[in-house]
């Protein structure tokens, strides 16, 4: 059996599994601990390192467990926080109940309370924002949406008020698209356009804390309403506020 205390040559097996898209880091550690992972034919142990090109095999039982994990799409209303309850505001996951499942969700999966275990937001929406929120038990999806190298687009409709006289100058609109910094770090390029006279459409590939609100303030706009309508190729669609549906078996974020 490999010696986990051997000199730190190579890359941690859990990291290799994550890089290859086999599992999230948490899943990889759990599968190794359960005896479901082999490296070059040998049973892996926690903390083990291996060559970058090592052969990694995963027991089908791990795949079955992974396949049974659920991902939920929720239309978060104002007044709910994305994660843990705070300052007396309820968490968005409290809306995931049998009675709040959207009638338009015709998939075969049946709800049971066990699906709430480990169901966590993959990204966030501020308490005063609405729209599409992803809650998942699947670490791969969480990494895809909120990992440091995530390239999945998030689209928002943003109602604004002008803090300065007149319409937003074209050069300020261009700064929203590229040229702003928050907390000393440059923002990635964004797609920003007018949806109508008082509403902007933002498409971002990152999610800094209160990013859109702070971006708007920098160019003389105040956000009075913010709604996320798309994450990757998954859209909010007709899902009513306060209701949820399962991610469909053929839906992908990217």
Protein backbone atom coordinates (compact mmCIF):
# COMPACT_ATOMS: atom_id res chain seq x y z
CA UNK A 1 0.00 0.00 0.00
CA UNK A 2 1.34 3.49 -0.80
CA UNK A 3 2.89 5.39 2.10
CA UNK A 4 1.09 8.70 2.66
CA UNK A 5 4.02 9.89 4.81
CA UNK A 6 6.54 9.47 1.99
CA UNK A 7 8.44 12.56 0.76
CA UNK A 8 6.11 15.00 -1.00
CA UNK A 9 6.91 14.03 -4.58
CA UNK A 10 4.25 14.40 -7.22
CA UNK A 11 0.75 15.86 -6.88
CA UNK A 12 -1.92 14.97 -4.33
CA UNK A 13 -4.26 12.38 -5.79
CA UNK A 14 -7.32 14.40 -4.73
CA UNK A 15 -5.95 17.41 -6.65
CA UNK A 16 -5.30 15.27 -9.73
CA UNK A 17 -8.87 13.99 -9.59
CA UNK A 18 -10.20 17.54 -9.36
CA UNK A 19 -8.04 18.74 -12.25
CA UNK A 20 -9.27 15.85 -14.41
CA UNK A 21 -12.90 16.62 -13.60
CA UNK A 22 -13.43 13.30 -11.84
CA UNK A 23 -14.70 14.83 -8.59
CA UNK A 24 -14.57 17.89 -6.37
CA UNK A 25 -11.75 17.97 -3.81
CA UNK A 26 -14.18 17.08 -1.01
CA UNK A 27 -15.63 14.19 -3.04
CA UNK A 28 -12.16 12.94 -3.95
CA UNK A 29 -11.09 12.79 -0.30
CA UNK A 30 -14.33 11.03 0.68
CA UNK A 31 -13.96 8.47 -2.12
CA UNK A 32 -10.33 7.78 -1.23
CA UNK A 33 -11.31 7.30 2.39
CA UNK A 34 -14.10 4.91 1.33
CA UNK A 35 -11.63 2.80 -0.67
CA UNK A 36 -13.14 3.69 -4.04
CA UNK A 37 -9.99 5.07 -5.71
CA UNK A 38 -6.99 3.21 -7.13
CA UNK A 39 -3.77 4.77 -8.44
CA UNK A 40 -1.84 2.66 -10.92
CA UNK A 41 -3.83 -0.33 -9.71
CA UNK A 42 -3.12 0.20 -6.01
CA UNK A 43 -5.66 1.33 -3.42
CA UNK A 44 -5.16 5.06 -2.73
CA UNK A 45 -4.85 6.55 0.76
CA UNK A 46 -5.65 10.05 2.02
CA UNK A 47 -2.84 12.51 1.40
CA UNK A 48 -1.15 10.30 -1.18
CA UNK A 49 0.81 11.93 -3.99
CA UNK A 50 1.29 10.59 -7.48
CA UNK A 51 2.88 11.49 -10.79
CA UNK A 52 0.82 13.91 -12.91
CA UNK A 53 0.23 11.17 -15.50
CA UNK A 54 -0.72 8.48 -12.97
CA UNK A 55 -3.60 6.15 -13.89
CA UNK A 56 -6.56 6.86 -11.60
CA UNK A 57 -9.55 4.49 -11.43
CA UNK A 58 -12.79 5.25 -9.59
CA UNK A 59 -15.11 2.52 -8.29
CA UNK A 60 -18.56 2.59 -9.99
CA UNK A 61 -20.16 2.91 -6.55
CA UNK A 62 -18.72 6.43 -6.33
CA UNK A 63 -20.25 7.29 -9.69
CA UNK A 64 -23.62 6.02 -8.55
CA UNK A 65 -23.47 8.16 -5.42
CA UNK A 66 -22.49 11.16 -7.54
CA UNK A 67 -25.33 10.58 -10.00
CA UNK A 68 -27.89 10.58 -7.20
CA UNK A 69 -26.91 14.05 -6.01
CA UNK A 70 -29.40 16.75 -6.85
CA UNK A 71 -29.09 20.26 -8.22
CA UNK A 72 -31.96 22.68 -7.68
CA UNK A 73 -32.78 25.89 -9.53
CA UNK A 74 -34.53 28.41 -7.27
CA UNK A 75 -36.10 31.77 -8.09
CA UNK A 76 -34.87 33.61 -5.01
CA UNK A 77 -37.09 36.46 -3.83
CA UNK A 78 -35.92 39.59 -2.03
CA UNK A 79 -35.48 39.05 1.72
CA UNK A 80 -33.70 35.69 1.58
CA UNK A 81 -29.95 35.19 1.97
CA UNK A 82 -28.12 32.78 -0.30
CA UNK A 83 -26.25 30.89 2.41
CA UNK A 84 -26.71 30.49 6.15
CA UNK A 85 -29.39 32.51 7.94
CA UNK A 86 -28.09 35.87 9.11
CA UNK A 87 -29.51 38.93 10.90
CA UNK A 88 -32.89 37.25 11.15
CA UNK A 89 -33.20 36.68 7.38
CA UNK A 90 -34.02 33.11 6.30
CA UNK A 91 -31.74 31.10 3.98
CA UNK A 92 -32.87 30.47 0.42
CA UNK A 93 -32.67 26.69 0.94
CA UNK A 94 -35.64 26.95 3.33
CA UNK A 95 -37.80 27.53 0.24
CA UNK A 96 -36.94 24.08 -1.14
CA UNK A 97 -39.95 22.07 0.01
CA UNK A 98 -42.37 19.67 -1.64
CA UNK A 99 -45.05 22.37 -1.62
CA UNK A 100 -42.90 24.99 -3.39
CA UNK A 101 -41.76 22.81 -6.30
CA UNK A 102 -42.86 24.48 -9.54
CA UNK A 103 -45.81 22.75 -11.17
CA UNK A 104 -44.07 23.20 -14.50
CA UNK A 105 -41.28 20.83 -13.44
CA UNK A 106 -42.46 17.60 -15.08
CA UNK A 107 -39.30 15.57 -14.44
CA UNK A 108 -39.55 12.10 -12.91
CA UNK A 109 -37.47 12.85 -9.81
CA UNK A 110 -39.42 12.89 -6.55
CA UNK A 111 -38.58 15.19 -3.66
CA UNK A 112 -37.55 13.80 -0.29
CA UNK A 113 -35.99 15.59 2.71
CA UNK A 114 -32.70 13.73 2.33
CA UNK A 115 -32.05 15.84 -0.76
CA UNK A 116 -31.60 18.86 1.52
CA UNK A 117 -28.54 17.33 3.18
CA UNK A 118 -25.48 19.14 1.91
CA UNK A 119 -27.56 21.24 -0.51
CA UNK A 120 -25.55 24.46 -0.77
CA UNK A 121 -25.55 27.56 -3.01
CA UNK A 122 -23.13 27.55 -5.94
CA UNK A 123 -22.73 31.31 -6.01
CA UNK A 124 -24.76 33.95 -4.29
CA UNK A 125 -27.40 36.61 -4.76
CA UNK A 126 -27.59 39.54 -2.36
CA UNK A 127 -30.54 39.71 0.02
CA UNK A 128 -32.06 42.55 -2.03
CA UNK A 129 -31.57 40.77 -5.36
CA UNK A 130 -33.81 38.22 -7.07
CA UNK A 131 -33.54 35.59 -9.74
CA UNK A 132 -31.79 32.34 -10.53
CA UNK A 133 -29.92 30.71 -7.65
CA UNK A 134 -28.29 27.28 -7.98
CA UNK A 135 -28.30 24.96 -4.96
CA UNK A 136 -26.41 21.70 -5.37
CA UNK A 137 -25.09 18.60 -3.62
CA UNK A 138 -22.64 18.06 -6.49
CA UNK A 139 -19.16 19.46 -5.90
CA UNK A 140 -18.34 19.31 -9.60
CA UNK A 141 -21.13 21.76 -10.40
CA UNK A 142 -20.12 24.05 -7.53
CA UNK A 143 -16.54 24.13 -8.85
CA UNK A 144 -17.76 24.77 -12.39
CA UNK A 145 -19.81 27.79 -11.28
CA UNK A 146 -17.72 29.37 -8.54
CA UNK A 147 -14.20 28.02 -8.97
CA UNK A 148 -11.41 30.57 -9.47
CA UNK A 149 -11.10 29.58 -13.13
CA UNK A 150 -14.85 29.50 -13.84
CA UNK A 151 -15.77 30.91 -17.24
CA UNK A 152 -19.53 30.39 -16.95
CA UNK A 153 -21.51 33.52 -17.84
CA UNK A 154 -24.10 34.99 -15.47
CA UNK A 155 -26.68 37.37 -16.96
CA UNK A 156 -28.54 40.05 -14.99
CA UNK A 157 -31.23 42.63 -15.65
CA UNK A 158 -30.40 45.70 -13.59
CA UNK A 159 -32.81 48.61 -13.04
CA UNK A 160 -30.95 51.83 -12.30
CA UNK A 161 -31.44 55.46 -11.32
CA UNK A 162 -29.11 58.19 -12.57
CA UNK A 163 -27.25 59.99 -9.79
CA UNK A 164 -25.99 62.62 -12.24
CA UNK A 165 -27.99 64.75 -14.70
CA UNK A 166 -28.56 63.32 -18.16
CA UNK A 167 -28.01 59.92 -19.72
CA UNK A 168 -24.97 57.83 -18.92
CA UNK A 169 -22.18 58.93 -21.27
CA UNK A 170 -20.91 56.33 -23.73
CA UNK A 171 -17.43 56.42 -22.18
CA UNK A 172 -18.89 55.48 -18.78
CA UNK A 173 -20.80 52.62 -20.36
CA UNK A 174 -17.51 51.48 -21.86
CA UNK A 175 -15.90 51.62 -18.39
CA UNK A 176 -18.61 49.28 -17.14
CA UNK A 177 -17.64 46.88 -19.89
CA UNK A 178 -13.93 47.07 -19.13
CA UNK A 179 -11.79 49.41 -17.10
CA UNK A 180 -13.12 49.33 -13.54
CA UNK A 181 -11.40 47.94 -10.44
CA UNK A 182 -12.81 46.85 -7.09
CA UNK A 183 -10.73 46.44 -3.93
CA UNK A 184 -7.58 47.15 -5.90
CA UNK A 185 -8.19 44.39 -8.46
CA UNK A 186 -9.15 44.93 -12.08
CA UNK A 187 -12.46 43.41 -13.13
CA UNK A 188 -12.72 40.98 -16.00
CA UNK A 189 -14.31 42.32 -19.20
CA UNK A 190 -18.13 42.33 -19.05
CA UNK A 191 -20.92 42.69 -21.58
CA UNK A 192 -23.10 45.66 -20.66
CA UNK A 193 -25.88 47.19 -22.77
CA UNK A 194 -29.13 49.08 -22.32
CA UNK A 195 -32.21 46.83 -22.24
CA UNK A 196 -34.46 49.90 -22.07
CA UNK A 197 -34.28 53.49 -20.77
CA UNK A 198 -33.76 52.55 -17.12
CA UNK A 199 -32.52 48.97 -17.27
CA UNK A 200 -29.10 47.57 -18.10
CA UNK A 201 -28.21 44.04 -19.12
CA UNK A 202 -24.99 42.72 -17.54
CA UNK A 203 -23.21 39.52 -18.52
CA UNK A 204 -20.34 38.65 -16.16
CA UNK A 205 -17.85 35.83 -15.77
CA UNK A 206 -17.05 36.58 -12.14
CA UNK A 207 -18.98 37.33 -8.97
CA UNK A 208 -17.34 39.73 -6.52
CA UNK A 209 -19.38 40.76 -3.50
CA UNK A 210 -22.11 43.22 -4.57
CA UNK A 211 -20.14 43.64 -7.78
CA UNK A 212 -22.80 45.08 -10.07
CA UNK A 213 -24.05 47.57 -7.46
CA UNK A 214 -20.52 48.79 -6.81
CA UNK A 215 -19.71 49.00 -10.53
CA UNK A 216 -22.78 51.13 -11.11
CA UNK A 217 -21.92 53.48 -8.25
CA UNK A 218 -18.52 54.12 -9.84
CA UNK A 219 -20.19 55.55 -12.96
CA UNK A 220 -22.97 57.51 -11.23
CA UNK A 221 -25.78 54.96 -11.23
CA UNK A 222 -27.81 53.57 -8.33
CA UNK A 223 -29.18 50.03 -8.61
CA UNK A 224 -32.85 49.86 -7.60
CA UNK A 225 -33.53 46.33 -8.82
CA UNK A 226 -31.36 43.38 -9.80
CA UNK A 227 -32.48 40.05 -11.22
CA UNK A 228 -30.31 37.17 -12.43
CA UNK A 229 -31.92 35.57 -15.47
CA UNK A 230 -29.29 33.12 -16.75
CA UNK A 231 -26.31 31.06 -15.62
CA UNK A 232 -24.44 29.60 -18.58
CA UNK A 233 -27.04 28.00 -20.84
CA UNK A 234 -29.58 27.54 -18.01
CA UNK A 235 -32.24 30.27 -17.89
CA UNK A 236 -34.68 31.38 -15.20
CA UNK A 237 -37.51 31.23 -17.71
CA UNK A 238 -41.04 31.03 -16.29
CA UNK A 239 -39.99 29.81 -12.84
CA UNK A 240 -42.06 31.88 -10.35
CA UNK A 241 -40.49 33.72 -7.38
CA UNK A 242 -40.15 31.51 -4.31
CA UNK A 243 -40.44 28.28 -6.32
CA UNK A 244 -37.86 25.79 -7.55
CA UNK A 245 -37.23 22.97 -9.99
CA UNK A 246 -34.62 20.29 -10.52
CA UNK A 247 -31.84 20.78 -13.05
CA UNK A 248 -32.92 18.61 -15.96
CA UNK A 249 -30.89 15.51 -16.89
CA UNK A 250 -29.86 17.05 -20.21
CA UNK A 251 -29.26 20.61 -18.96
CA UNK A 252 -25.69 21.84 -18.72
CA UNK A 253 -24.35 25.18 -17.49
CA UNK A 254 -21.60 25.18 -20.08
